[in-house]
PDB file of all heavy atoms in Angstrom:
ATOM      1  N   ARG A   1     -80.918-135.811 -14.104  1.00  0.00           N
ATOM      2  CA  ARG A   1     -80.014-136.340 -13.082  1.00  0.00           C
ATOM      3  C   ARG A   1     -79.748-137.830 -13.287  1.00  0.00           C
ATOM      4  O   ARG A   1     -80.653-138.630 -13.487  1.00  0.00           O
ATOM      5  CB  ARG A   1     -80.658-136.132 -11.701  1.00  0.00           C
ATOM      6  CG  ARG A   1     -79.864-136.647 -10.532  1.00  0.00           C
ATOM      7  CD  ARG A   1     -80.577-136.386  -9.213  1.00  0.00           C
ATOM      8  NE  ARG A   1     -81.825-137.142  -9.092  1.00  0.00           N
ATOM      9  CZ  ARG A   1     -83.032-136.613  -9.050  1.00  0.00           C
ATOM     10  NH1 ARG A   1     -83.184-135.305  -9.153  1.00  0.00           N
ATOM     11  NH2 ARG A   1     -84.103-137.372  -8.933  1.00  0.00           N
ATOM     12  N   LYS A   2     -78.450-138.195 -13.235  1.00  0.00           N
ATOM     13  CA  LYS A   2     -78.037-139.596 -13.337  1.00  0.00           C
ATOM     14  C   LYS A   2     -77.014-139.880 -12.239  1.00  0.00           C
ATOM     15  O   LYS A   2     -75.977-139.213 -12.173  1.00  0.00           O
ATOM     16  CB  LYS A   2     -77.389-139.893 -14.702  1.00  0.00           C
ATOM     17  CG  LYS A   2     -78.275-139.596 -15.904  1.00  0.00           C
ATOM     18  CD  LYS A   2     -79.477-140.511 -15.981  1.00  0.00           C
ATOM     19  CE  LYS A   2     -80.337-140.195 -17.193  1.00  0.00           C
ATOM     20  NZ  LYS A   2     -81.616-140.915 -17.181  1.00  0.00           N
ATOM     21  N   PRO A   3     -77.256-140.862 -11.385  1.00  0.00           N
ATOM     22  CA  PRO A   3     -76.323-141.119 -10.281  1.00  0.00           C
ATOM     23  C   PRO A   3     -74.939-141.546 -10.743  1.00  0.00           C
ATOM     24  O   PRO A   3     -73.941-141.326 -10.049  1.00  0.00           O
ATOM     25  CB  PRO A   3     -77.013-142.226  -9.482  1.00  0.00           C
ATOM     26  CG  PRO A   3     -78.006-142.832 -10.421  1.00  0.00           C
ATOM     27  CD  PRO A   3     -78.433-141.749 -11.348  1.00  0.00           C
ATOM     28  N   ASP A   4     -74.875-142.146 -11.922  1.00  0.00           N
ATOM     29  CA  ASP A   4     -73.577-142.577 -12.455  1.00  0.00           C
ATOM     30  C   ASP A   4     -73.214-141.766 -13.698  1.00  0.00           C
ATOM     31  O   ASP A   4     -72.565-142.260 -14.617  1.00  0.00           O
ATOM     32  CB  ASP A   4     -73.613-144.071 -12.796  1.00  0.00           C
ATOM     33  CG  ASP A   4     -74.738-144.408 -13.777  1.00  0.00           C
ATOM     34  OD1 ASP A   4     -75.610-143.533 -14.012  1.00  0.00           O
ATOM     35  OD2 ASP A   4     -74.740-145.534 -14.313  1.00  0.00           O
ATOM     36  N   GLY A   5     -73.641-140.520 -13.709  1.00  0.00           N
ATOM     37  CA  GLY A   5     -73.457-139.682 -14.888  1.00  0.00           C
ATOM     38  C   GLY A   5     -72.048-139.142 -15.051  1.00  0.00           C
ATOM     39  O   GLY A   5     -71.105-139.561 -14.387  1.00  0.00           O
ATOM     40  N   TYR A   6     -71.916-138.132 -15.896  1.00  0.00           N
ATOM     41  CA  TYR A   6     -70.610-137.590 -16.278  1.00  0.00           C
ATOM     42  C   TYR A   6     -70.282-136.338 -15.457  1.00  0.00           C
ATOM     43  O   TYR A   6     -71.169-135.678 -14.902  1.00  0.00           O
ATOM     44  CB  TYR A   6     -70.611-137.240 -17.773  1.00  0.00           C
ATOM     45  CG  TYR A   6     -71.513-136.078 -18.128  1.00  0.00           C
ATOM     46  CD1 TYR A   6     -71.060-134.758 -18.040  1.00  0.00           C
ATOM     47  CD2 TYR A   6     -72.836-136.292 -18.538  1.00  0.00           C
ATOM     48  CE1 TYR A   6     -71.886-133.694 -18.341  1.00  0.00           C
ATOM     49  CE2 TYR A   6     -73.670-135.229 -18.845  1.00  0.00           C
ATOM     50  CZ  TYR A   6     -73.187-133.937 -18.745  1.00  0.00           C
ATOM     51  OH  TYR A   6     -74.017-132.880 -19.028  1.00  0.00           O
ATOM     52  N   ILE A   7     -69.004-136.018 -15.404  1.00  0.00           N
ATOM     53  CA  ILE A   7     -68.529-134.730 -14.896  1.00  0.00           C
ATOM     54  C   ILE A   7     -67.479-134.245 -15.886  1.00  0.00           C
ATOM     55  O   ILE A   7     -66.467-134.926 -16.108  1.00  0.00           O
ATOM     56  CB  ILE A   7     -67.895-134.851 -13.491  1.00  0.00           C
ATOM     57  CG1 ILE A   7     -68.885-135.423 -12.479  1.00  0.00           C
ATOM     58  CG2 ILE A   7     -67.397-133.479 -13.031  1.00  0.00           C
ATOM     59  CD1 ILE A   7     -68.269-135.705 -11.108  1.00  0.00           C
ATOM     60  N   LEU A   8     -67.726-133.106 -16.509  1.00  0.00           N
ATOM     61  CA  LEU A   8     -66.767-132.570 -17.470  1.00  0.00           C
ATOM     62  C   LEU A   8     -65.566-131.963 -16.747  1.00  0.00           C
ATOM     63  O   LEU A   8     -65.722-131.247 -15.756  1.00  0.00           O
ATOM     64  CB  LEU A   8     -67.417-131.488 -18.340  1.00  0.00           C
ATOM     65  CG  LEU A   8     -68.568-131.905 -19.258  1.00  0.00           C
ATOM     66  CD1 LEU A   8     -69.080-130.691 -20.030  1.00  0.00           C
ATOM     67  CD2 LEU A   8     -68.147-133.007 -20.224  1.00  0.00           C
ATOM     68  N   SER A   9     -64.381-132.245 -17.276  1.00  0.00           N
ATOM     69  CA  SER A   9     -63.172-131.593 -16.777  1.00  0.00           C
ATOM     70  C   SER A   9     -63.105-130.181 -17.360  1.00  0.00           C
ATOM     71  O   SER A   9     -63.804-129.855 -18.332  1.00  0.00           O
ATOM     72  CB  SER A   9     -61.944-132.386 -17.205  1.00  0.00           C
ATOM     73  OG  SER A   9     -61.816-132.354 -18.626  1.00  0.00           O
ATOM     74  N   ILE A  10     -62.237-129.366 -16.806  1.00  0.00           N
ATOM     75  CA  ILE A  10     -62.073-128.019 -17.350  1.00  0.00           C
ATOM     76  C   ILE A  10     -61.592-128.066 -18.801  1.00  0.00           C
ATOM     77  O   ILE A  10     -62.113-127.327 -19.648  1.00  0.00           O
ATOM     78  CB  ILE A  10     -61.155-127.168 -16.449  1.00  0.00           C
ATOM     79  CG1 ILE A  10     -61.918-126.785 -15.168  1.00  0.00           C
ATOM     80  CG2 ILE A  10     -60.666-125.918 -17.181  1.00  0.00           C
ATOM     81  CD1 ILE A  10     -61.155-125.950 -14.175  1.00  0.00           C
ATOM     82  N   PRO A  11     -60.631-128.933 -19.188  1.00  0.00           N
ATOM     83  CA  PRO A  11     -60.274-129.021 -20.620  1.00  0.00           C
ATOM     84  C   PRO A  11     -61.466-129.413 -21.497  1.00  0.00           C
ATOM     85  O   PRO A  11     -61.591-128.902 -22.631  1.00  0.00           O
ATOM     86  CB  PRO A  11     -59.181-130.092 -20.635  1.00  0.00           C
ATOM     87  CG  PRO A  11     -58.548-130.000 -19.286  1.00  0.00           C
ATOM     88  CD  PRO A  11     -59.681-129.702 -18.346  1.00  0.00           C
ATOM     89  N   GLU A  12     -62.341-130.255 -21.012  1.00  0.00           N
ATOM     90  CA  GLU A  12     -63.524-130.627 -21.794  1.00  0.00           C
ATOM     91  C   GLU A  12     -64.491-129.449 -21.929  1.00  0.00           C
ATOM     92  O   GLU A  12     -65.066-129.217 -23.000  1.00  0.00           O
ATOM     93  CB  GLU A  12     -64.228-131.822 -21.159  1.00  0.00           C
ATOM     94  CG  GLU A  12     -63.477-133.132 -21.330  1.00  0.00           C
ATOM     95  CD  GLU A  12     -64.078-134.268 -20.523  1.00  0.00           C
ATOM     96  OE1 GLU A  12     -64.539-134.045 -19.378  1.00  0.00           O
ATOM     97  OE2 GLU A  12     -64.093-135.411 -21.034  1.00  0.00           O
ATOM     98  N   ILE A  13     -64.644-128.693 -20.853  1.00  0.00           N
ATOM     99  CA  ILE A  13     -65.485-127.497 -20.921  1.00  0.00           C
ATOM    100  C   ILE A  13     -64.900-126.503 -21.917  1.00  0.00           C
ATOM    101  O   ILE A  13     -65.612-125.928 -22.755  1.00  0.00           O
ATOM    102  CB  ILE A  13     -65.616-126.854 -19.524  1.00  0.00           C
ATOM    103  CG1 ILE A  13     -66.428-127.769 -18.599  1.00  0.00           C
ATOM    104  CG2 ILE A  13     -66.268-125.476 -19.617  1.00  0.00           C
ATOM    105  CD1 ILE A  13     -66.439-127.334 -17.140  1.00  0.00           C
ATOM    106  N   LEU A  14     -63.590-126.311 -21.863  1.00  0.00           N
ATOM    107  CA  LEU A  14     -62.941-125.371 -22.789  1.00  0.00           C
ATOM    108  C   LEU A  14     -63.109-125.810 -24.242  1.00  0.00           C
ATOM    109  O   LEU A  14     -63.248-124.972 -25.133  1.00  0.00           O
ATOM    110  CB  LEU A  14     -61.462-125.227 -22.438  1.00  0.00           C
ATOM    111  CG  LEU A  14     -61.156-124.417 -21.174  1.00  0.00           C
ATOM    112  CD1 LEU A  14     -59.669-124.478 -20.851  1.00  0.00           C
ATOM    113  CD2 LEU A  14     -61.604-122.969 -21.337  1.00  0.00           C
ATOM    114  N   GLY A  15     -63.097-127.109 -24.479  1.00  0.00           N
ATOM    115  CA  GLY A  15     -63.326-127.599 -25.840  1.00  0.00           C
ATOM    116  C   GLY A  15     -64.696-127.180 -26.353  1.00  0.00           C
ATOM    117  O   GLY A  15     -64.846-126.798 -27.526  1.00  0.00           O
ATOM    118  N   LYS A  16     -65.706-127.255 -25.508  1.00  0.00           N
ATOM    119  CA  LYS A  16     -67.051-126.831 -25.892  1.00  0.00           C
ATOM    120  C   LYS A  16     -67.122-125.324 -26.086  1.00  0.00           C
ATOM    121  O   LYS A  16     -67.821-124.826 -26.977  1.00  0.00           O
ATOM    122  CB  LYS A  16     -68.068-127.300 -24.837  1.00  0.00           C
ATOM    123  CG  LYS A  16     -68.243-128.820 -24.795  1.00  0.00           C
ATOM    124  CD  LYS A  16     -69.216-129.248 -23.710  1.00  0.00           C
ATOM    125  CE  LYS A  16     -69.377-130.767 -23.681  1.00  0.00           C
ATOM    126  NZ  LYS A  16     -70.104-131.283 -24.843  1.00  0.00           N
ATOM    127  N   VAL A  17     -66.400-124.576 -25.264  1.00  0.00           N
ATOM    128  CA  VAL A  17     -66.369-123.127 -25.408  1.00  0.00           C
ATOM    129  C   VAL A  17     -65.729-122.749 -26.742  1.00  0.00           C
ATOM    130  O   VAL A  17     -66.221-121.866 -27.464  1.00  0.00           O
ATOM    131  CB  VAL A  17     -65.616-122.476 -24.234  1.00  0.00           C
ATOM    132  CG1 VAL A  17     -65.469-120.973 -24.463  1.00  0.00           C
ATOM    133  CG2 VAL A  17     -66.341-122.740 -22.914  1.00  0.00           C
ATOM    134  N   ARG A  18     -64.638-123.419 -27.099  1.00  0.00           N
ATOM    135  CA  ARG A  18     -63.981-123.115 -28.383  1.00  0.00           C
ATOM    136  C   ARG A  18     -64.931-123.348 -29.551  1.00  0.00           C
ATOM    137  O   ARG A  18     -64.958-122.568 -30.512  1.00  0.00           O
ATOM    138  CB  ARG A  18     -62.719-123.975 -28.534  1.00  0.00           C
ATOM    139  CG  ARG A  18     -61.611-123.627 -27.565  1.00  0.00           C
ATOM    140  CD  ARG A  18     -60.350-124.438 -27.796  1.00  0.00           C
ATOM    141  NE  ARG A  18     -59.444-124.298 -26.664  1.00  0.00           N
ATOM    142  CZ  ARG A  18     -59.154-125.262 -25.796  1.00  0.00           C
ATOM    143  NH1 ARG A  18     -59.681-126.479 -25.941  1.00  0.00           N
ATOM    144  NH2 ARG A  18     -58.335-125.034 -24.791  1.00  0.00           N
ATOM    145  N   ALA A  19     -65.695-124.427 -29.485  1.00  0.00           N
ATOM    146  CA  ALA A  19     -66.658-124.717 -30.552  1.00  0.00           C
ATOM    147  C   ALA A  19     -67.718-123.626 -30.635  1.00  0.00           C
ATOM    148  O   ALA A  19     -68.177-123.266 -31.729  1.00  0.00           O
ATOM    149  CB  ALA A  19     -67.305-126.080 -30.324  1.00  0.00           C
ATOM    150  N   ALA A  20     -68.111-123.085 -29.482  1.00  0.00           N
ATOM    151  CA  ALA A  20     -69.098-121.999 -29.465  1.00  0.00           C
ATOM    152  C   ALA A  20     -68.525-120.731 -30.093  1.00  0.00           C
ATOM    153  O   ALA A  20     -69.199-120.049 -30.870  1.00  0.00           O
ATOM    154  CB  ALA A  20     -69.548-121.725 -28.032  1.00  0.00           C
ATOM    155  N   VAL A  21     -67.287-120.416 -29.748  1.00  0.00           N
ATOM    156  CA  VAL A  21     -66.656-119.218 -30.288  1.00  0.00           C
ATOM    157  C   VAL A  21     -66.542-119.308 -31.814  1.00  0.00           C
ATOM    158  O   VAL A  21     -66.680-118.304 -32.528  1.00  0.00           O
ATOM    159  CB  VAL A  21     -65.284-118.991 -29.623  1.00  0.00           C
ATOM    160  CG1 VAL A  21     -64.495-117.898 -30.332  1.00  0.00           C
ATOM    161  CG2 VAL A  21     -65.472-118.645 -28.146  1.00  0.00           C
ATOM    162  N   LYS A  22     -66.342-120.507 -32.316  1.00  0.00           N
ATOM    163  CA  LYS A  22     -66.228-120.701 -33.773  1.00  0.00           C
ATOM    164  C   LYS A  22     -67.512-120.340 -34.510  1.00  0.00           C
ATOM    165  O   LYS A  22     -67.482-120.027 -35.702  1.00  0.00           O
ATOM    166  CB  LYS A  22     -65.824-122.140 -34.085  1.00  0.00           C
ATOM    167  CG  LYS A  22     -64.356-122.437 -33.833  1.00  0.00           C
ATOM    168  CD  LYS A  22     -64.008-123.872 -34.208  1.00  0.00           C
ATOM    169  CE  LYS A  22     -62.536-124.159 -33.940  1.00  0.00           C
ATOM    170  NZ  LYS A  22     -62.170-125.580 -34.236  1.00  0.00           N
ATOM    171  N   ILE A  23     -68.665-120.429 -33.834  1.00  0.00           N
ATOM    172  CA  ILE A  23     -69.919-120.034 -34.486  1.00  0.00           C
ATOM    173  C   ILE A  23     -70.337-118.626 -34.046  1.00  0.00           C
ATOM    174  O   ILE A  23     -71.511-118.254 -34.127  1.00  0.00           O
ATOM    175  CB  ILE A  23     -71.055-121.042 -34.243  1.00  0.00           C
ATOM    176  CG1 ILE A  23     -71.410-121.126 -32.746  1.00  0.00           C
ATOM    177  CG2 ILE A  23     -70.716-122.411 -34.789  1.00  0.00           C
ATOM    178  CD1 ILE A  23     -72.777-121.728 -32.488  1.00  0.00           C
ATOM    179  N   ASN A  24     -69.378-117.849 -33.560  1.00  0.00           N
ATOM    180  CA  ASN A  24     -69.591-116.448 -33.191  1.00  0.00           C
ATOM    181  C   ASN A  24     -70.470-116.265 -31.956  1.00  0.00           C
ATOM    182  O   ASN A  24     -71.149-115.239 -31.818  1.00  0.00           O
ATOM    183  CB  ASN A  24     -70.178-115.657 -34.371  1.00  0.00           C
ATOM    184  CG  ASN A  24     -69.255-115.659 -35.567  1.00  0.00           C
ATOM    185  OD1 ASN A  24     -68.055-115.445 -35.428  1.00  0.00           O
ATOM    186  ND2 ASN A  24     -69.805-115.921 -36.749  1.00  0.00           N
ATOM    187  N   ALA A  25     -70.464-117.226 -31.043  1.00  0.00           N
ATOM    188  CA  ALA A  25     -71.214-117.074 -29.805  1.00  0.00           C
ATOM    189  C   ALA A  25     -70.638-115.921 -28.990  1.00  0.00           C
ATOM    190  O   ALA A  25     -69.421-115.745 -28.899  1.00  0.00           O
ATOM    191  CB  ALA A  25     -71.174-118.355 -28.993  1.00  0.00           C
ATOM    192  N   THR A  26     -71.526-115.149 -28.399  1.00  0.00           N
ATOM    193  CA  THR A  26     -71.112-114.082 -27.490  1.00  0.00           C
ATOM    194  C   THR A  26     -71.295-114.498 -26.033  1.00  0.00           C
ATOM    195  O   THR A  26     -70.885-113.779 -25.123  1.00  0.00           O
ATOM    196  CB  THR A  26     -71.926-112.803 -27.737  1.00  0.00           C
ATOM    197  OG1 THR A  26     -73.323-113.073 -27.526  1.00  0.00           O
ATOM    198  CG2 THR A  26     -71.716-112.301 -29.155  1.00  0.00           C
ATOM    199  N   GLU A  27     -71.931-115.655 -25.810  1.00  0.00           N
ATOM    200  CA  GLU A  27     -72.236-116.108 -24.452  1.00  0.00           C
ATOM    201  C   GLU A  27     -72.099-117.617 -24.345  1.00  0.00           C
ATOM    202  O   GLU A  27     -72.439-118.341 -25.281  1.00  0.00           O
ATOM    203  CB  GLU A  27     -73.683-115.717 -24.107  1.00  0.00           C
ATOM    204  CG  GLU A  27     -74.242-116.343 -22.836  1.00  0.00           C
ATOM    205  CD  GLU A  27     -75.767-116.337 -22.811  1.00  0.00           C
ATOM    206  OE1 GLU A  27     -76.362-115.253 -22.946  1.00  0.00           O
ATOM    207  OE2 GLU A  27     -76.373-117.427 -22.652  1.00  0.00           O
ATOM    208  N   VAL A  28     -71.606-118.084 -23.209  1.00  0.00           N
ATOM    209  CA  VAL A  28     -71.772-119.487 -22.836  1.00  0.00           C
ATOM    210  C   VAL A  28     -72.587-119.522 -21.548  1.00  0.00           C
ATOM    211  O   VAL A  28     -72.365-118.733 -20.627  1.00  0.00           O
ATOM    212  CB  VAL A  28     -70.428-120.238 -22.647  1.00  0.00           C
ATOM    213  CG1 VAL A  28     -69.786-120.507 -23.992  1.00  0.00           C
ATOM    214  CG2 VAL A  28     -69.477-119.494 -21.724  1.00  0.00           C
ATOM    215  N   CYS A  29     -73.556-120.425 -21.520  1.00  0.00           N
ATOM    216  CA  CYS A  29     -74.411-120.606 -20.353  1.00  0.00           C
ATOM    217  C   CYS A  29     -73.999-121.903 -19.674  1.00  0.00           C
ATOM    218  O   CYS A  29     -74.068-122.977 -20.285  1.00  0.00           O
ATOM    219  CB  CYS A  29     -75.877-120.663 -20.765  1.00  0.00           C
ATOM    220  SG  CYS A  29     -77.006-120.952 -19.385  1.00  0.00           S
ATOM    221  N   ILE A  30     -73.555-121.817 -18.440  1.00  0.00           N
ATOM    222  CA  ILE A  30     -72.988-122.971 -17.744  1.00  0.00           C
ATOM    223  C   ILE A  30     -73.795-123.266 -16.483  1.00  0.00           C
ATOM    224  O   ILE A  30     -73.942-122.418 -15.603  1.00  0.00           O
ATOM    225  CB  ILE A  30     -71.512-122.719 -17.375  1.00  0.00           C
ATOM    226  CG1 ILE A  30     -70.698-122.426 -18.633  1.00  0.00           C
ATOM    227  CG2 ILE A  30     -70.924-123.908 -16.627  1.00  0.00           C
ATOM    228  CD1 ILE A  30     -69.260-122.049 -18.367  1.00  0.00           C
ATOM    229  N   GLN A  31     -74.323-124.484 -16.425  1.00  0.00           N
ATOM    230  CA  GLN A  31     -75.020-124.968 -15.241  1.00  0.00           C
ATOM    231  C   GLN A  31     -74.774-126.467 -15.114  1.00  0.00           C
ATOM    232  O   GLN A  31     -74.397-127.125 -16.078  1.00  0.00           O
ATOM    233  CB  GLN A  31     -76.525-124.718 -15.338  1.00  0.00           C
ATOM    234  CG  GLN A  31     -76.939-123.267 -15.385  1.00  0.00           C
ATOM    235  CD  GLN A  31     -78.446-123.106 -15.405  1.00  0.00           C
ATOM    236  OE1 GLN A  31     -79.076-123.015 -14.355  1.00  0.00           O
ATOM    237  NE2 GLN A  31     -79.029-123.081 -16.585  1.00  0.00           N
ATOM    238  N   GLY A  32     -75.021-126.992 -13.925  1.00  0.00           N
ATOM    239  CA  GLY A  32     -74.867-128.429 -13.739  1.00  0.00           C
ATOM    240  C   GLY A  32     -75.587-128.883 -12.488  1.00  0.00           C
ATOM    241  O   GLY A  32     -76.151-128.082 -11.730  1.00  0.00           O
ATOM    242  N   GLY A  33     -75.561-130.176 -12.282  1.00  0.00           N
ATOM    243  CA  GLY A  33     -76.139-130.726 -11.068  1.00  0.00           C
ATOM    244  C   GLY A  33     -75.333-130.333  -9.845  1.00  0.00           C
ATOM    245  O   GLY A  33     -74.227-129.778  -9.942  1.00  0.00           O
ATOM    246  N   LEU A  34     -75.878-130.645  -8.682  1.00  0.00           N
ATOM    247  CA  LEU A  34     -75.214-130.308  -7.421  1.00  0.00           C
ATOM    248  C   LEU A  34     -74.325-131.472  -6.991  1.00  0.00           C
ATOM    249  O   LEU A  34     -74.815-132.526  -6.585  1.00  0.00           O
ATOM    250  CB  LEU A  34     -76.258-130.031  -6.337  1.00  0.00           C
ATOM    251  CG  LEU A  34     -77.270-128.926  -6.631  1.00  0.00           C
ATOM    252  CD1 LEU A  34     -78.276-128.827  -5.488  1.00  0.00           C
ATOM    253  CD2 LEU A  34     -76.590-127.589  -6.879  1.00  0.00           C
ATOM    254  N   LEU A  35     -73.029-131.267  -7.109  1.00  0.00           N
ATOM    255  CA  LEU A  35     -72.068-132.270  -6.650  1.00  0.00           C
ATOM    256  C   LEU A  35     -71.815-132.072  -5.153  1.00  0.00           C
ATOM    257  O   LEU A  35     -71.743-130.931  -4.676  1.00  0.00           O
ATOM    258  CB  LEU A  35     -70.770-132.143  -7.431  1.00  0.00           C
ATOM    259  CG  LEU A  35     -70.895-132.411  -8.940  1.00  0.00           C
ATOM    260  CD1 LEU A  35     -69.608-132.049  -9.654  1.00  0.00           C
ATOM    261  CD2 LEU A  35     -71.268-133.857  -9.204  1.00  0.00           C
ATOM    262  N   PRO A  36     -71.682-133.139  -4.396  1.00  0.00           N
ATOM    263  CA  PRO A  36     -71.618-133.001  -2.934  1.00  0.00           C
ATOM    264  C   PRO A  36     -70.462-132.152  -2.439  1.00  0.00           C
ATOM    265  O   PRO A  36     -70.575-131.498  -1.404  1.00  0.00           O
ATOM    266  CB  PRO A  36     -71.513-134.447  -2.442  1.00  0.00           C
ATOM    267  CG  PRO A  36     -71.117-135.259  -3.625  1.00  0.00           C
ATOM    268  CD  PRO A  36     -71.656-134.555  -4.823  1.00  0.00           C
ATOM    269  N   ASP A  37     -69.349-132.137  -3.180  1.00  0.00           N
ATOM    270  CA  ASP A  37     -68.174-131.410  -2.707  1.00  0.00           C
ATOM    271  C   ASP A  37     -67.894-130.142  -3.504  1.00  0.00           C
ATOM    272  O   ASP A  37     -66.848-129.523  -3.342  1.00  0.00           O
ATOM    273  CB  ASP A  37     -66.951-132.314  -2.754  1.00  0.00           C
ATOM    274  CG  ASP A  37     -66.689-132.850  -4.170  1.00  0.00           C
ATOM    275  OD1 ASP A  37     -67.577-132.694  -5.050  1.00  0.00           O
ATOM    276  OD2 ASP A  37     -65.606-133.428  -4.390  1.00  0.00           O
ATOM    277  N   ARG A  38     -68.795-129.747  -4.378  1.00  0.00           N
ATOM    278  CA  ARG A  38     -68.541-128.587  -5.237  1.00  0.00           C
ATOM    279  C   ARG A  38     -68.645-127.303  -4.411  1.00  0.00           C
ATOM    280  O   ARG A  38     -69.655-127.043  -3.764  1.00  0.00           O
ATOM    281  CB  ARG A  38     -69.547-128.575  -6.393  1.00  0.00           C
ATOM    282  CG  ARG A  38     -69.247-127.571  -7.513  1.00  0.00           C
ATOM    283  CD  ARG A  38     -67.888-127.722  -8.161  1.00  0.00           C
ATOM    284  NE  ARG A  38     -67.619-129.019  -8.744  1.00  0.00           N
ATOM    285  CZ  ARG A  38     -67.435-129.237 -10.041  1.00  0.00           C
ATOM    286  NH1 ARG A  38     -67.546-128.232 -10.893  1.00  0.00           N
ATOM    287  NH2 ARG A  38     -67.136-130.440 -10.478  1.00  0.00           N
ATOM    288  N   ASP A  39     -67.571-126.493  -4.443  1.00  0.00           N
ATOM    289  CA  ASP A  39     -67.538-125.267  -3.654  1.00  0.00           C
ATOM    290  C   ASP A  39     -67.297-124.060  -4.545  1.00  0.00           C
ATOM    291  O   ASP A  39     -67.211-124.178  -5.769  1.00  0.00           O
ATOM    292  CB  ASP A  39     -66.485-125.358  -2.542  1.00  0.00           C
ATOM    293  CG  ASP A  39     -65.073-125.615  -3.084  1.00  0.00           C
ATOM    294  OD1 ASP A  39     -64.861-125.518  -4.311  1.00  0.00           O
ATOM    295  OD2 ASP A  39     -64.174-125.930  -2.268  1.00  0.00           O
ATOM    296  N   VAL A  40     -67.196-122.897  -3.923  1.00  0.00           N
ATOM    297  CA  VAL A  40     -67.029-121.665  -4.685  1.00  0.00           C
ATOM    298  C   VAL A  40     -65.734-121.695  -5.496  1.00  0.00           C
ATOM    299  O   VAL A  40     -65.694-121.275  -6.659  1.00  0.00           O
ATOM    300  CB  VAL A  40     -67.055-120.446  -3.735  1.00  0.00           C
ATOM    301  CG1 VAL A  40     -66.746-119.162  -4.510  1.00  0.00           C
ATOM    302  CG2 VAL A  40     -68.413-120.336  -3.047  1.00  0.00           C
ATOM    303  N   LEU A  41     -64.663-122.211  -4.908  1.00  0.00           N
ATOM    304  CA  LEU A  41     -63.380-122.253  -5.603  1.00  0.00           C
ATOM    305  C   LEU A  41     -63.473-123.050  -6.891  1.00  0.00           C
ATOM    306  O   LEU A  41     -62.934-122.647  -7.928  1.00  0.00           O
ATOM    307  CB  LEU A  41     -62.305-122.851  -4.683  1.00  0.00           C
ATOM    308  CG  LEU A  41     -60.911-123.014  -5.301  1.00  0.00           C
ATOM    309  CD1 LEU A  41     -60.344-121.668  -5.733  1.00  0.00           C
ATOM    310  CD2 LEU A  41     -59.968-123.708  -4.313  1.00  0.00           C
ATOM    311  N   SER A  42     -64.164-124.177  -6.857  1.00  0.00           N
ATOM    312  CA  SER A  42     -64.251-125.009  -8.067  1.00  0.00           C
ATOM    313  C   SER A  42     -65.044-124.301  -9.167  1.00  0.00           C
ATOM    314  O   SER A  42     -64.715-124.427 -10.349  1.00  0.00           O
ATOM    315  CB  SER A  42     -64.877-126.364  -7.737  1.00  0.00           C
ATOM    316  OG  SER A  42     -66.161-126.217  -7.170  1.00  0.00           O
ATOM    317  N   TYR A  43     -66.066-123.536  -8.796  1.00  0.00           N
ATOM    318  CA  TYR A  43     -66.797-122.750  -9.797  1.00  0.00           C
ATOM    319  C   TYR A  43     -65.905-121.624 -10.339  1.00  0.00           C
ATOM    320  O   TYR A  43     -65.915-121.333 -11.538  1.00  0.00           O
ATOM    321  CB  TYR A  43     -68.061-122.149  -9.183  1.00  0.00           C
ATOM    322  CG  TYR A  43     -69.192-123.127  -8.962  1.00  0.00           C
ATOM    323  CD1 TYR A  43     -70.293-122.769  -8.181  1.00  0.00           C
ATOM    324  CD2 TYR A  43     -69.197-124.395  -9.526  1.00  0.00           C
ATOM    325  CE1 TYR A  43     -71.344-123.646  -7.968  1.00  0.00           C
ATOM    326  CE2 TYR A  43     -70.237-125.285  -9.317  1.00  0.00           C
ATOM    327  CZ  TYR A  43     -71.304-124.910  -8.540  1.00  0.00           C
ATOM    328  OH  TYR A  43     -72.351-125.780  -8.328  1.00  0.00           O
ATOM    329  N   CYS A  44     -65.139-120.998  -9.449  1.00  0.00           N
ATOM    330  CA  CYS A  44     -64.236-119.923  -9.876  1.00  0.00           C
ATOM    331  C   CYS A  44     -63.175-120.448 -10.845  1.00  0.00           C
ATOM    332  O   CYS A  44     -62.779-119.747 -11.792  1.00  0.00           O
ATOM    333  CB  CYS A  44     -63.565-119.276  -8.667  1.00  0.00           C
ATOM    334  SG  CYS A  44     -64.680-118.246  -7.676  1.00  0.00           S
ATOM    335  N   GLU A  45     -62.714-121.664 -10.634  1.00  0.00           N
ATOM    336  CA  GLU A  45     -61.705-122.236 -11.532  1.00  0.00           C
ATOM    337  C   GLU A  45     -62.252-122.389 -12.955  1.00  0.00           C
ATOM    338  O   GLU A  45     -61.532-122.154 -13.929  1.00  0.00           O
ATOM    339  CB  GLU A  45     -61.239-123.589 -10.985  1.00  0.00           C
ATOM    340  CG  GLU A  45     -60.341-123.459  -9.760  1.00  0.00           C
ATOM    341  CD  GLU A  45     -60.042-124.798  -9.102  1.00  0.00           C
ATOM    342  OE1 GLU A  45     -60.726-125.801  -9.441  1.00  0.00           O
ATOM    343  OE2 GLU A  45     -59.138-124.853  -8.241  1.00  0.00           O
TER     344      GLU A  45
END
């Protein structure tokens, strides 16, 4: 945890997913810290 840390945008997350697919990944595991305003809709997006 870092109070002034990073938050990846969806395009940034997709960039990491593409890199995983290139090495034949069958799974991406996604977790993060608890953001004060993060709701179900933002996870669904």
